[in-house]
Every structure is written in C-alpha cells, then in structure tokens.
Amino acid sequence: MKLYDFTAGPHPRRVRIFLAEKGIDVPLEQINIMTQENRTDAFLAKNPFGGLPILELDDGTCIAESVSICRYFDETHTENPLFGKTPKQKAVIDMWLRRVELQLMAHIGMVWIHGHELNAGSLNQIPEAAEQSRARCAVNYKIFDTELATREFMAGDEYSVVDAIALATIDFASFVDAGFDDSLSNLKRWHEAMSARPSAQA
C-alpha cells in the first residue's frame, strides 16, 4: 500500500491530516504536478482524471478522491471513527462535508483557476469569475462563523473528518487570496485550534 502525494496540494494534505489524527502511517510517493508527472500514461492509468491523492492498495486497486481515501481508512481502522458513530452523527458529518466542498472548496477552486498568477500562462482566466467566487466565499464564511458560535468543531462536539477537510481547504483559500476575515471570531477561534493540533503539520 502507498499514497501518491503532492506536498503542496490541498487535497493530499486533507488525507495526511486525517491519517495523523487516526494514527495511521502510510508510505508516501511524491508526484510533482508542476512538471506534469500526473499526466503521464502510467499515472493516468491509476486515475484518468490526473488528480491527487491516490491510494494504491496491495492488490493494485487505486482509490482517488481525498474523502473516499479517508473513508477507506476509517472503515479499516475502526477505532476513533472520524466519520461518525451513530446514524445521526454520520448524517450530520456528511452534511457538513458536502457544505465544505460545495460552499467553500468549489468557489476557492474557481479563484485558484481564474485568479491566481500560477495559472495565468496555462489557462484562459476569467477574472470576473474569480471575483464572483471570492465574494461567495466571504458570504459563506459568515455562515460557518455563525454555526461555530454554538460548538467547538465543524460538525459537532467532537473532532471529525470535516475539521481535517475544512482546515486544508481554508488554508488553501488563504494561499489564493480567498481567506476569511479576522472579524469572524468563531471561525478564527476554530482555525487557530485546528492549526495548533499536531495533525495540522502532517
């Protein structure tokens, strides 16, 4: 078993944070997307969409998508479940996972594609799309901030996979200049607490 990783990527970092929280050690193999190593025929045979991370099992099965990889490890290492214990908890965690993905990461990704200088030479950027998504992030950060006024973690009173996914997502947002305003005190408190956990350094 090994995990194909790109240290600077937000999606691989999600899995590394999750694994650190679970106490699971998996060998990493670095793939350099800056040199398009993820676009070779050998890599595309593992993931035809060319994305990272990928978990390759001992039988050759390749599992892509960060949340799917995290779910695999939560099912195979059942102690300290981070996807929830009860049907209600699992549903709430899944709900917040989708909200992080659809209400934050989707818009942050648009800022990255259409507004970041690293993509200026390789993509047909639409600056207006980046600004629209940046504004949408600002609105949604306020909703997350309001929700965090009543609890310590993103999806309840316990750390879950949502906190791992959200931390990597929001840190990437800062990198692309789509971070949250410091006036959002609940979101800031959550971010500082998650960033102080040892897993954040994974």
Protein backbone atom coordinates (compact mmCIF):
# COMPACT_ATOMS: atom_id res chain seq x y z
CA MET A 1 0.00 0.00 0.00
CA LYS A 2 1.15 3.54 -0.75
CA LEU A 3 -0.28 7.02 -1.06
CA TYR A 4 0.59 9.15 -4.08
CA ASP A 5 1.07 12.63 -2.67
CA PHE A 6 1.96 16.20 -3.62
CA THR A 7 3.09 18.06 -0.52
CA ALA A 8 1.83 21.48 -1.58
CA GLY A 9 -1.60 20.31 -2.73
CA PRO A 10 -4.67 20.95 -0.54
CA HIS A 11 -6.36 17.62 -1.31
CA PRO A 12 -3.36 15.43 -0.43
CA ARG A 13 -2.95 17.47 2.76
CA ARG A 14 -6.52 16.59 3.77
CA VAL A 15 -5.58 12.92 3.80
CA ARG A 16 -2.31 13.50 5.65
CA ILE A 17 -4.14 15.42 8.39
CA PHE A 18 -6.76 12.69 8.62
CA LEU A 19 -4.16 9.92 8.84
CA ALA A 20 -2.29 11.82 11.56
CA GLU A 21 -5.50 12.13 13.58
CA LYS A 22 -6.12 8.39 13.17
CA GLY A 23 -2.53 7.49 13.99
CA ILE A 24 -2.04 5.65 10.69
CA ASP A 25 1.30 5.59 8.88
CA VAL A 26 1.22 5.06 5.11
CA PRO A 27 4.24 5.22 2.77
CA LEU A 28 4.12 8.31 0.54
CA GLU A 29 5.30 8.62 -3.05
CA GLN A 30 5.64 12.18 -4.27
CA ILE A 31 4.20 13.13 -7.67
CA ASN A 32 5.23 16.53 -9.00
CA ILE A 33 2.23 18.11 -10.68
CA MET A 34 4.31 21.17 -11.58
CA THR A 35 6.25 19.03 -14.05
CA GLN A 36 3.04 17.25 -15.13
CA GLU A 37 4.15 13.94 -13.69
CA ASN A 38 0.47 13.34 -13.02
CA ARG A 39 -0.24 13.47 -16.76
CA THR A 40 1.90 10.53 -17.81
CA ASP A 41 0.23 7.41 -19.19
CA ALA A 42 1.35 5.42 -16.15
CA PHE A 43 -0.26 7.85 -13.76
CA LEU A 44 -3.46 8.28 -15.78
CA ALA A 45 -3.86 4.50 -15.68
CA LYS A 46 -4.26 4.89 -11.92
CA ASN A 47 -6.52 7.95 -12.10
CA PRO A 48 -7.79 9.01 -15.54
CA PHE A 49 -8.62 12.48 -14.19
CA GLY A 50 -4.99 13.03 -13.19
CA GLY A 51 -5.73 14.23 -9.68
CA LEU A 52 -4.03 13.61 -6.36
CA PRO A 53 -4.04 11.97 -3.89
CA ILE A 54 -4.36 8.33 -4.89
CA LEU A 55 -4.25 5.39 -2.50
CA GLU A 56 -2.88 2.25 -4.18
CA LEU A 57 -3.72 -0.94 -2.30
CA ASP A 58 -1.59 -4.06 -2.25
CA ASP A 59 -3.91 -5.76 -4.77
CA GLY A 60 -3.43 -2.90 -7.24
CA THR A 61 -6.75 -1.18 -6.57
CA CYS A 62 -6.43 2.60 -6.83
CA ILE A 63 -8.72 4.84 -4.80
CA ALA A 64 -8.72 8.52 -5.72
CA GLU A 65 -10.55 11.49 -4.14
CA SER A 66 -9.47 12.62 -0.68
CA VAL A 67 -12.76 11.97 1.14
CA SER A 68 -13.03 8.46 -0.35
CA ILE A 69 -9.50 7.66 0.82
CA CYS A 70 -10.28 8.95 4.30
CA ARG A 71 -13.45 6.87 4.40
CA TYR A 72 -11.48 3.74 3.45
CA PHE A 73 -9.13 4.24 6.38
CA ASP A 74 -11.98 4.99 8.77
CA GLU A 75 -13.64 1.70 7.78
CA THR A 76 -10.46 -0.35 8.03
CA HIS A 77 -9.28 1.25 11.28
CA THR A 78 -12.47 1.41 13.30
CA GLU A 79 -11.02 2.85 16.49
CA ASN A 80 -11.56 6.62 16.81
CA PRO A 81 -14.11 6.86 13.95
CA LEU A 82 -13.98 10.28 12.32
CA PHE A 83 -16.98 9.80 10.03
CA GLY A 84 -19.35 9.37 12.97
CA LYS A 85 -20.62 6.61 15.22
CA THR A 86 -24.42 6.81 15.12
CA PRO A 87 -26.67 7.22 12.05
CA LYS A 88 -27.48 10.77 13.16
CA GLN A 89 -23.83 11.70 13.69
CA LYS A 90 -22.83 10.18 10.36
CA ALA A 91 -25.52 12.14 8.54
CA VAL A 92 -24.58 15.44 10.18
CA ILE A 93 -20.89 14.88 9.38
CA ASP A 94 -21.75 14.03 5.78
CA MET A 95 -23.90 17.18 5.54
CA TRP A 96 -21.05 19.40 6.71
CA LEU A 97 -18.58 17.62 4.45
CA ARG A 98 -20.77 18.50 1.48
CA ARG A 99 -21.09 22.07 2.67
CA VAL A 100 -17.32 22.48 2.91
CA GLU A 101 -16.91 21.02 -0.56
CA LEU A 102 -19.79 22.82 -2.30
CA GLN A 103 -19.96 26.12 -0.43
CA LEU A 104 -16.24 26.70 0.08
CA MET A 105 -13.91 24.49 -1.96
CA ALA A 106 -15.86 24.82 -5.20
CA HIS A 107 -15.60 28.61 -5.02
CA ILE A 108 -11.99 28.56 -3.78
CA GLY A 109 -11.15 26.37 -6.75
CA MET A 110 -12.62 28.94 -9.10
CA VAL A 111 -10.47 31.66 -7.51
CA TRP A 112 -7.44 29.40 -7.98
CA ILE A 113 -8.25 28.72 -11.64
CA HIS A 114 -9.30 32.19 -12.71
CA GLY A 115 -7.47 34.46 -10.30
CA HIS A 116 -4.07 33.04 -9.37
CA GLU A 117 -0.91 34.06 -11.20
CA LEU A 118 0.40 30.48 -11.35
CA ASN A 119 -2.41 29.66 -13.80
CA ALA A 120 -2.08 32.81 -15.90
CA GLY A 121 0.00 31.23 -18.62
CA SER A 122 -1.74 27.89 -18.94
CA LEU A 123 -5.47 28.65 -18.57
CA ASN A 124 -7.92 31.06 -20.15
CA GLN A 125 -8.62 33.01 -16.99
CA ILE A 126 -11.82 34.97 -16.41
CA PRO A 127 -11.05 37.49 -13.66
CA GLU A 128 -14.74 38.22 -13.10
CA ALA A 129 -15.32 34.55 -12.24
CA ALA A 130 -12.59 34.72 -9.61
CA GLU A 131 -14.06 37.84 -8.03
CA GLN A 132 -17.56 36.38 -8.01
CA SER A 133 -16.32 33.24 -6.28
CA ARG A 134 -14.23 35.25 -3.82
CA ALA A 135 -17.36 37.22 -2.88
CA ARG A 136 -19.33 33.99 -2.48
CA CYS A 137 -16.66 32.65 -0.13
CA ALA A 138 -16.98 35.77 2.02
CA VAL A 139 -20.72 35.23 2.36
CA ASN A 140 -20.34 31.56 3.19
CA TYR A 141 -17.56 32.15 5.72
CA LYS A 142 -20.07 34.23 7.71
CA ILE A 143 -22.48 31.29 7.78
CA PHE A 144 -19.74 28.96 9.03
CA ASP A 145 -18.79 31.57 11.63
CA THR A 146 -22.38 31.77 12.91
CA GLU A 147 -22.64 27.99 13.13
CA LEU A 148 -19.38 27.74 15.07
CA ALA A 149 -20.74 30.04 17.77
CA THR A 150 -22.56 27.04 19.25
CA ARG A 151 -19.92 24.31 19.05
CA GLU A 152 -16.20 23.63 19.12
CA PHE A 153 -15.88 21.65 15.91
CA MET A 154 -17.33 21.93 12.42
CA ALA A 155 -19.83 19.09 12.71
CA GLY A 156 -20.50 18.81 16.45
CA ASP A 157 -18.82 18.43 19.79
CA GLU A 158 -16.08 16.06 18.58
CA TYR A 159 -13.30 16.33 16.03
CA SER A 160 -14.32 14.73 12.72
CA VAL A 161 -13.17 14.35 9.15
CA VAL A 162 -14.90 17.66 8.43
CA ASP A 163 -12.34 19.51 10.53
CA ALA A 164 -9.47 17.90 8.60
CA ILE A 165 -11.05 18.70 5.23
CA ALA A 166 -12.02 22.24 6.25
CA LEU A 167 -8.59 23.11 7.63
CA ALA A 168 -6.79 22.12 4.42
CA THR A 169 -9.48 23.89 2.38
CA ILE A 170 -9.38 27.16 4.30
CA ASP A 171 -5.58 27.22 4.41
CA PHE A 172 -5.56 26.82 0.63
CA ALA A 173 -8.06 29.67 0.41
CA SER A 174 -5.55 31.94 2.12
CA PHE A 175 -2.92 30.91 -0.41
CA VAL A 176 -5.17 32.03 -3.30
CA ASP A 177 -6.26 35.23 -1.52
CA ALA A 178 -9.74 34.00 -0.67
CA GLY A 179 -9.33 33.62 3.08
CA PHE A 180 -11.79 34.63 5.78
CA ASP A 181 -11.84 37.99 7.57
CA ASP A 182 -10.33 38.10 11.06
CA SER A 183 -13.53 39.71 12.34
CA LEU A 184 -15.21 36.30 12.09
CA SER A 185 -14.20 35.43 15.64
CA ASN A 186 -15.77 31.97 15.85
CA LEU A 187 -14.20 30.80 12.61
CA LYS A 188 -10.90 32.34 13.69
CA ARG A 189 -11.06 30.53 17.04
CA TRP A 190 -11.79 27.24 15.28
CA HIS A 191 -8.97 27.78 12.79
CA GLU A 192 -6.43 28.58 15.49
CA ALA A 193 -7.44 25.50 17.48
CA MET A 194 -7.25 23.18 14.45
CA SER A 195 -3.93 24.69 13.36
CA ALA A 196 -2.49 24.04 16.84
CA ARG A 197 -3.24 20.32 16.64
CA PRO A 198 -0.16 18.18 15.78
CA SER A 199 -2.00 16.75 12.78
CA ALA A 200 -2.01 20.18 11.09
CA GLN A 201 1.73 19.76 10.47
CA ALA A 202 1.27 16.48 8.59
